[in-house]
Amino acid sequence: MIRPDITPDAPVEEQPAIGLIGMGAMGNMYAKCLSQAGWKKIYVCDLPTKYESLKEAYSDNPSVHVLRDGHGVSRISDWIMYSVEAEFIDRVVAEFGPSTKVGAIVAGQTSVKAPERAAFEKYLPDDVYIVSCHSLHGPTVSPLGQPLVIIKHRAPDDALHLVESILRPLGSRYVYLSYEDHDMVTANTQAVTHAAFLSMGTAWSCEATYPWEHGYYVRGIETVKVNIMLRIYSNKWHVYAGLAILNPSARVQIDQYARSVSEIFKLMLAADDKSLRKRMYNARDAVYPRPV
């Protein structure tokens, strides 16, 4: 049994075997951060077609061992993280989950947890633990001080503490949630927000006119909105698709957002200035209530 308070300074033979299935941007970030911290037994894999290129990429890092598939990673690792898109998590866990080492701890790095939970409960053996996670930032952002969600779903406290020890070198701030709470929080704080900014970018693209070219509205809070839109568009599409489409908690917000946009657009087309102003001011007062 690996000591729950183990650190990267421990002898190699005492360190946990860390497994990463899926070496996209986030998988690579974890591999690099954990190996730089001193963890020596990191086993990774990706699609079979990427095996040779992945070996080449980590040829100068003796702490990262590239394996051919998730079976090899699952059989040897004490902690395994699936870093794959939410839409593929069921298929990947179905293939590699049954090979999980007895007593291992399994996590997922998916941005929406409902499909991940279903896959883990369906395909993982009963003699393994589930302590999932989710770094709430992109792979190009330093994890230092960023929120890192930890979900103790099916595990004793010792397994949770071991996960905390493995991830501590990231320097992130732990946030403890359930699977349901995670999806509700991300739906409330990200799904509709991202949809709004993606709509802005799409509108500018369709019109072939951009605020930073003609200078309109690029000042104050509008500068922040433009920068957030550009940042969202610069990241991977599957993150936002997962938040909005696969997250059951987001459907209510997305449906209401779509209805509101349609109703406001109708008021504009009808030139109903009075109703439009009333709706906008009601929304303002609901979000920013006036002091009594």
Protein backbone atom coordinates (compact mmCIF):
# COMPACT_ATOMS: atom_id res chain seq x y z
CA MET A 1 0.00 0.00 0.00
CA ILE A 2 1.38 3.42 -0.99
CA ARG A 3 1.67 5.84 1.93
CA PRO A 4 -1.06 8.51 1.64
CA ASP A 5 1.46 11.22 2.58
CA ILE A 6 4.05 10.14 0.01
CA THR A 7 6.10 12.91 -1.65
CA PRO A 8 8.22 13.08 -4.81
CA ASP A 9 11.31 13.01 -2.56
CA ALA A 10 10.61 9.38 -1.58
CA PRO A 11 12.77 6.61 -3.07
CA VAL A 12 11.63 5.47 -6.50
CA GLU A 13 10.58 2.04 -5.27
CA GLU A 14 8.17 3.65 -2.76
CA GLN A 15 6.57 6.08 -5.21
CA PRO A 16 3.15 5.42 -6.75
CA ALA A 17 2.90 4.44 -10.38
CA ILE A 18 1.03 7.27 -12.11
CA GLY A 19 -0.95 6.46 -15.26
CA LEU A 20 -2.23 8.91 -17.87
CA ILE A 21 -4.56 7.59 -20.58
CA GLY A 22 -4.90 10.26 -23.26
CA MET A 23 -2.00 12.59 -24.02
CA GLY A 24 -3.69 15.62 -25.44
CA ALA A 25 -2.89 19.10 -24.15
CA MET A 26 -4.02 18.42 -20.56
CA GLY A 27 -2.41 14.98 -20.40
CA ASN A 28 0.89 16.45 -21.52
CA MET A 29 0.61 19.26 -18.98
CA TYR A 30 0.11 16.75 -16.16
CA ALA A 31 2.98 14.54 -17.36
CA LYS A 32 5.39 17.45 -17.53
CA CYS A 33 4.35 19.06 -14.24
CA LEU A 34 4.42 15.79 -12.27
CA SER A 35 7.73 14.61 -13.73
CA GLN A 36 9.36 17.99 -13.10
CA ALA A 37 8.17 17.77 -9.48
CA GLY A 38 10.05 14.50 -9.00
CA TRP A 39 7.57 11.70 -9.61
CA LYS A 40 9.61 9.01 -11.37
CA LYS A 41 7.07 6.37 -12.41
CA ILE A 42 4.70 8.00 -14.89
CA TYR A 43 3.15 5.71 -17.52
CA VAL A 44 1.33 7.28 -20.47
CA CYS A 45 -0.43 6.26 -23.66
CA ASP A 46 -2.51 7.67 -26.47
CA LEU A 47 -3.94 6.37 -29.73
CA PRO A 48 -1.85 3.57 -31.29
CA THR A 49 -1.09 5.83 -34.25
CA LYS A 50 0.61 8.31 -31.90
CA TYR A 51 2.82 5.75 -30.11
CA GLU A 52 6.07 6.48 -32.00
CA SER A 53 5.66 10.26 -31.93
CA LEU A 54 4.84 10.15 -28.21
CA LYS A 55 7.94 8.06 -27.54
CA GLU A 56 10.01 10.59 -29.42
CA ALA A 57 8.47 13.50 -27.52
CA TYR A 58 9.44 11.98 -24.15
CA SER A 59 12.69 10.31 -25.17
CA ASP A 60 14.69 12.72 -23.02
CA ASN A 61 12.44 12.39 -19.94
CA PRO A 62 13.37 9.24 -17.99
CA SER A 63 10.42 9.67 -15.60
CA VAL A 64 7.78 9.31 -18.34
CA HIS A 65 7.35 5.84 -19.83
CA VAL A 66 5.30 5.58 -23.02
CA LEU A 67 3.20 2.42 -23.37
CA ARG A 68 1.29 1.16 -26.39
CA ASP A 69 -2.22 1.29 -24.95
CA GLY A 70 -4.40 1.77 -21.89
CA HIS A 71 -4.23 -1.90 -20.94
CA GLY A 72 -0.54 -1.54 -20.14
CA VAL A 73 -1.14 1.68 -18.21
CA SER A 74 -4.11 0.28 -16.27
CA ARG A 75 -2.39 -2.95 -15.20
CA ILE A 76 0.65 -1.21 -13.68
CA SER A 77 -0.60 2.12 -12.29
CA ASP A 78 -1.68 2.93 -8.73
CA TRP A 79 -3.41 6.15 -9.87
CA ILE A 80 -4.90 6.44 -13.34
CA MET A 81 -6.31 9.55 -14.99
CA TYR A 82 -8.40 9.35 -18.15
CA SER A 83 -7.72 12.57 -20.04
CA VAL A 84 -10.03 12.13 -23.01
CA GLU A 85 -12.95 14.06 -24.45
CA ALA A 86 -16.26 13.56 -22.65
CA GLU A 87 -17.91 12.21 -25.80
CA PHE A 88 -15.34 9.37 -25.96
CA ILE A 89 -15.04 8.54 -22.24
CA ASP A 90 -17.56 5.68 -22.34
CA ARG A 91 -15.80 3.92 -25.20
CA VAL A 92 -12.30 4.36 -23.74
CA VAL A 93 -13.22 3.22 -20.21
CA ALA A 94 -15.13 0.26 -21.66
CA GLU A 95 -11.94 -0.86 -23.42
CA PHE A 96 -9.33 -0.25 -20.72
CA GLY A 97 -11.28 -0.09 -17.45
CA PRO A 98 -11.49 -3.88 -16.89
CA SER A 99 -7.66 -4.03 -16.91
CA THR A 100 -7.38 -1.67 -13.92
CA LYS A 101 -5.00 -2.89 -11.22
CA VAL A 102 -6.64 -4.14 -8.02
CA GLY A 103 -6.78 -1.34 -5.45
CA ALA A 104 -5.89 1.38 -7.96
CA ILE A 105 -7.47 4.84 -7.88
CA VAL A 106 -9.15 6.07 -11.06
CA ALA A 107 -9.84 9.67 -12.07
CA GLY A 108 -11.08 11.54 -15.13
CA GLN A 109 -10.13 14.96 -16.44
CA THR A 110 -13.36 15.50 -18.38
CA SER A 111 -15.01 18.91 -18.27
CA VAL A 112 -18.47 17.37 -17.73
CA LYS A 113 -18.76 14.55 -15.23
CA ALA A 114 -22.10 12.83 -15.89
CA PRO A 115 -20.79 10.65 -18.78
CA GLU A 116 -17.56 9.98 -16.86
CA ARG A 117 -19.38 8.81 -13.75
CA ALA A 118 -21.64 6.54 -15.78
CA ALA A 119 -18.65 4.98 -17.56
CA PHE A 120 -16.67 4.44 -14.34
CA GLU A 121 -19.59 2.84 -12.53
CA LYS A 122 -20.40 0.62 -15.50
CA TYR A 123 -16.96 -0.63 -16.53
CA LEU A 124 -14.53 -0.34 -13.61
CA PRO A 125 -14.08 -3.40 -11.36
CA ASP A 126 -15.58 -3.19 -7.88
CA ASP A 127 -12.13 -3.57 -6.28
CA VAL A 128 -10.82 -0.22 -7.53
CA TYR A 129 -11.45 3.28 -6.17
CA ILE A 130 -12.86 6.37 -7.86
CA VAL A 131 -11.45 9.75 -6.86
CA SER A 132 -11.89 12.00 -9.86
CA CYS A 133 -10.54 15.46 -10.60
CA HIS A 134 -10.81 18.42 -12.95
CA SER A 135 -8.35 21.28 -13.34
CA LEU A 136 -10.52 24.34 -13.98
CA HIS A 137 -8.12 25.97 -16.43
CA GLY A 138 -6.67 25.39 -19.86
CA PRO A 139 -3.41 23.56 -20.59
CA THR A 140 -1.56 26.78 -21.43
CA VAL A 141 -2.33 28.31 -18.01
CA SER A 142 -0.04 27.65 -15.06
CA PRO A 143 -1.83 25.39 -12.53
CA LEU A 144 -0.30 27.34 -9.65
CA GLY A 145 -3.12 28.70 -7.48
CA GLN A 146 -5.81 27.56 -9.93
CA PRO A 147 -8.87 25.62 -8.66
CA LEU A 148 -8.55 21.84 -8.92
CA VAL A 149 -11.78 19.96 -8.26
CA ILE A 150 -11.41 16.65 -6.41
CA ILE A 151 -14.36 14.26 -6.31
CA LYS A 152 -14.25 11.45 -3.75
CA HIS A 153 -16.89 9.17 -5.20
CA ARG A 154 -16.02 5.60 -4.22
CA ALA A 155 -12.98 5.48 -1.98
CA PRO A 156 -11.71 5.55 1.64
CA ASP A 157 -9.99 8.61 3.07
CA ASP A 158 -6.53 7.13 2.51
CA ALA A 159 -7.17 6.99 -1.25
CA LEU A 160 -8.27 10.64 -1.23
CA HIS A 161 -5.15 11.69 0.69
CA LEU A 162 -2.93 9.79 -1.76
CA VAL A 163 -4.50 11.66 -4.68
CA GLU A 164 -3.92 14.94 -2.85
CA SER A 165 -0.27 14.00 -2.38
CA ILE A 166 0.21 13.02 -6.04
CA LEU A 167 -1.33 16.26 -7.32
CA ARG A 168 0.18 18.60 -4.71
CA PRO A 169 3.17 19.56 -6.92
CA LEU A 170 0.76 21.29 -9.29
CA GLY A 171 0.31 23.98 -6.64
CA SER A 172 -3.42 24.17 -7.35
CA ARG A 173 -6.16 25.01 -4.85
CA TYR A 174 -8.26 21.96 -4.01
CA VAL A 175 -12.04 22.28 -4.27
CA TYR A 176 -14.02 19.29 -2.98
CA LEU A 177 -17.29 18.55 -4.79
CA SER A 178 -19.54 15.66 -5.75
CA TYR A 179 -20.11 14.67 -9.37
CA GLU A 180 -23.53 16.36 -9.31
CA ASP A 181 -22.22 19.56 -7.70
CA HIS A 182 -19.39 19.76 -10.24
CA ASP A 183 -21.75 19.68 -13.21
CA MET A 184 -24.15 22.14 -11.59
CA VAL A 185 -21.34 24.61 -10.83
CA THR A 186 -19.86 24.42 -14.32
CA ALA A 187 -23.32 24.80 -15.84
CA ASN A 188 -24.03 27.90 -13.74
CA THR A 189 -20.64 29.54 -14.26
CA GLN A 190 -19.46 28.42 -17.69
CA ALA A 191 -22.04 26.90 -20.04
CA VAL A 192 -24.22 29.94 -20.75
CA THR A 193 -21.28 32.32 -20.39
CA HIS A 194 -19.37 30.46 -23.08
CA ALA A 195 -22.46 30.28 -25.29
CA ALA A 196 -22.84 34.05 -25.08
CA PHE A 197 -19.22 34.76 -26.01
CA LEU A 198 -19.26 32.16 -28.79
CA SER A 199 -22.39 33.88 -30.16
CA MET A 200 -20.59 37.23 -30.14
CA GLY A 201 -17.63 35.81 -32.05
CA THR A 202 -19.88 34.06 -34.55
CA ALA A 203 -21.83 37.26 -35.19
CA TRP A 204 -18.65 39.25 -35.82
CA SER A 205 -17.35 36.52 -38.12
CA CYS A 206 -20.57 36.38 -40.14
CA GLU A 207 -20.53 40.16 -40.53
CA ALA A 208 -16.79 40.12 -41.31
CA THR A 209 -16.35 43.11 -39.03
CA TYR A 210 -14.45 43.05 -35.75
CA PRO A 211 -14.34 45.53 -32.84
CA TRP A 212 -10.55 45.64 -32.69
CA GLU A 213 -10.39 46.69 -36.37
CA HIS A 214 -12.78 49.66 -36.31
CA GLY A 215 -12.38 50.58 -32.64
CA TYR A 216 -16.09 50.62 -31.74
CA TYR A 217 -16.98 49.57 -28.21
CA VAL A 218 -13.40 48.51 -27.36
CA ARG A 219 -13.08 50.27 -24.05
CA GLY A 220 -13.71 49.44 -20.42
CA ILE A 221 -15.76 46.30 -19.86
CA GLU A 222 -16.07 45.80 -23.63
CA THR A 223 -12.32 45.17 -23.82
CA VAL A 224 -12.72 42.41 -21.25
CA LYS A 225 -15.56 40.85 -23.26
CA VAL A 226 -13.50 40.84 -26.46
CA ASN A 227 -10.50 39.30 -24.71
CA ILE A 228 -12.64 36.55 -23.11
CA MET A 229 -14.20 35.77 -26.50
CA LEU A 230 -10.76 35.47 -28.14
CA ARG A 231 -9.51 33.23 -25.35
CA ILE A 232 -12.49 30.89 -25.66
CA TYR A 233 -12.09 30.64 -29.44
CA SER A 234 -8.38 29.86 -29.05
CA ASN A 235 -9.05 26.72 -26.98
CA LYS A 236 -10.23 23.23 -27.94
CA TRP A 237 -13.78 22.97 -29.25
CA HIS A 238 -14.60 19.77 -27.35
CA VAL A 239 -14.33 21.51 -23.95
CA TYR A 240 -17.21 23.86 -24.74
CA ALA A 241 -19.21 21.19 -26.56
CA GLY A 242 -18.98 19.02 -23.46
CA LEU A 243 -20.03 21.80 -21.13
CA ALA A 244 -23.07 22.75 -23.17
CA ILE A 245 -24.22 19.50 -24.78
CA LEU A 246 -23.21 16.63 -22.50
CA ASN A 247 -23.79 18.32 -19.17
CA PRO A 248 -27.40 17.59 -18.12
CA SER A 249 -27.30 20.47 -15.64
CA ALA A 250 -26.57 22.92 -18.45
CA ARG A 251 -29.59 22.11 -20.59
CA VAL A 252 -31.97 24.28 -18.57
CA GLN A 253 -29.68 27.30 -18.84
CA ILE A 254 -28.93 26.75 -22.53
CA ASP A 255 -32.62 26.36 -23.37
CA GLN A 256 -33.48 29.55 -21.49
CA TYR A 257 -30.62 31.43 -23.14
CA ALA A 258 -31.88 30.39 -26.59
CA ARG A 259 -35.45 31.45 -25.73
CA SER A 260 -34.31 34.79 -24.36
CA VAL A 261 -32.19 35.56 -27.42
CA SER A 262 -35.11 34.77 -29.73
CA GLU A 263 -37.60 36.85 -27.71
CA ILE A 264 -35.26 39.85 -27.51
CA PHE A 265 -34.56 39.63 -31.24
CA LYS A 266 -38.32 39.67 -31.93
CA LEU A 267 -38.67 42.84 -29.86
CA MET A 268 -35.90 44.44 -31.91
CA LEU A 269 -37.53 43.48 -35.20
CA ALA A 270 -40.85 44.84 -33.98
CA ALA A 271 -39.17 48.08 -32.90
CA ASP A 272 -40.92 47.63 -29.53
CA ASP A 273 -38.66 50.02 -27.67
CA LYS A 274 -40.80 50.13 -24.53
CA SER A 275 -40.94 46.33 -24.05
CA LEU A 276 -37.25 45.94 -24.87
CA ARG A 277 -36.21 48.54 -22.32
CA LYS A 278 -38.48 46.99 -19.70
CA ARG A 279 -36.97 43.55 -20.26
CA MET A 280 -33.39 44.85 -20.14
CA TYR A 281 -33.99 46.85 -16.98
CA ASN A 282 -35.73 43.93 -15.29
CA ALA A 283 -32.72 41.77 -16.06
CA ARG A 284 -30.38 44.46 -14.75
CA ASP A 285 -32.31 44.81 -11.50
CA ALA A 286 -32.36 41.03 -11.01
CA VAL A 287 -28.59 40.73 -11.40
CA TYR A 288 -27.63 44.03 -9.79
CA PRO A 289 -30.42 44.84 -7.28
CA ARG A 290 -30.53 48.45 -6.21
CA PRO A 291 -29.74 49.16 -2.56
CA VAL A 292 -32.79 49.71 -0.40
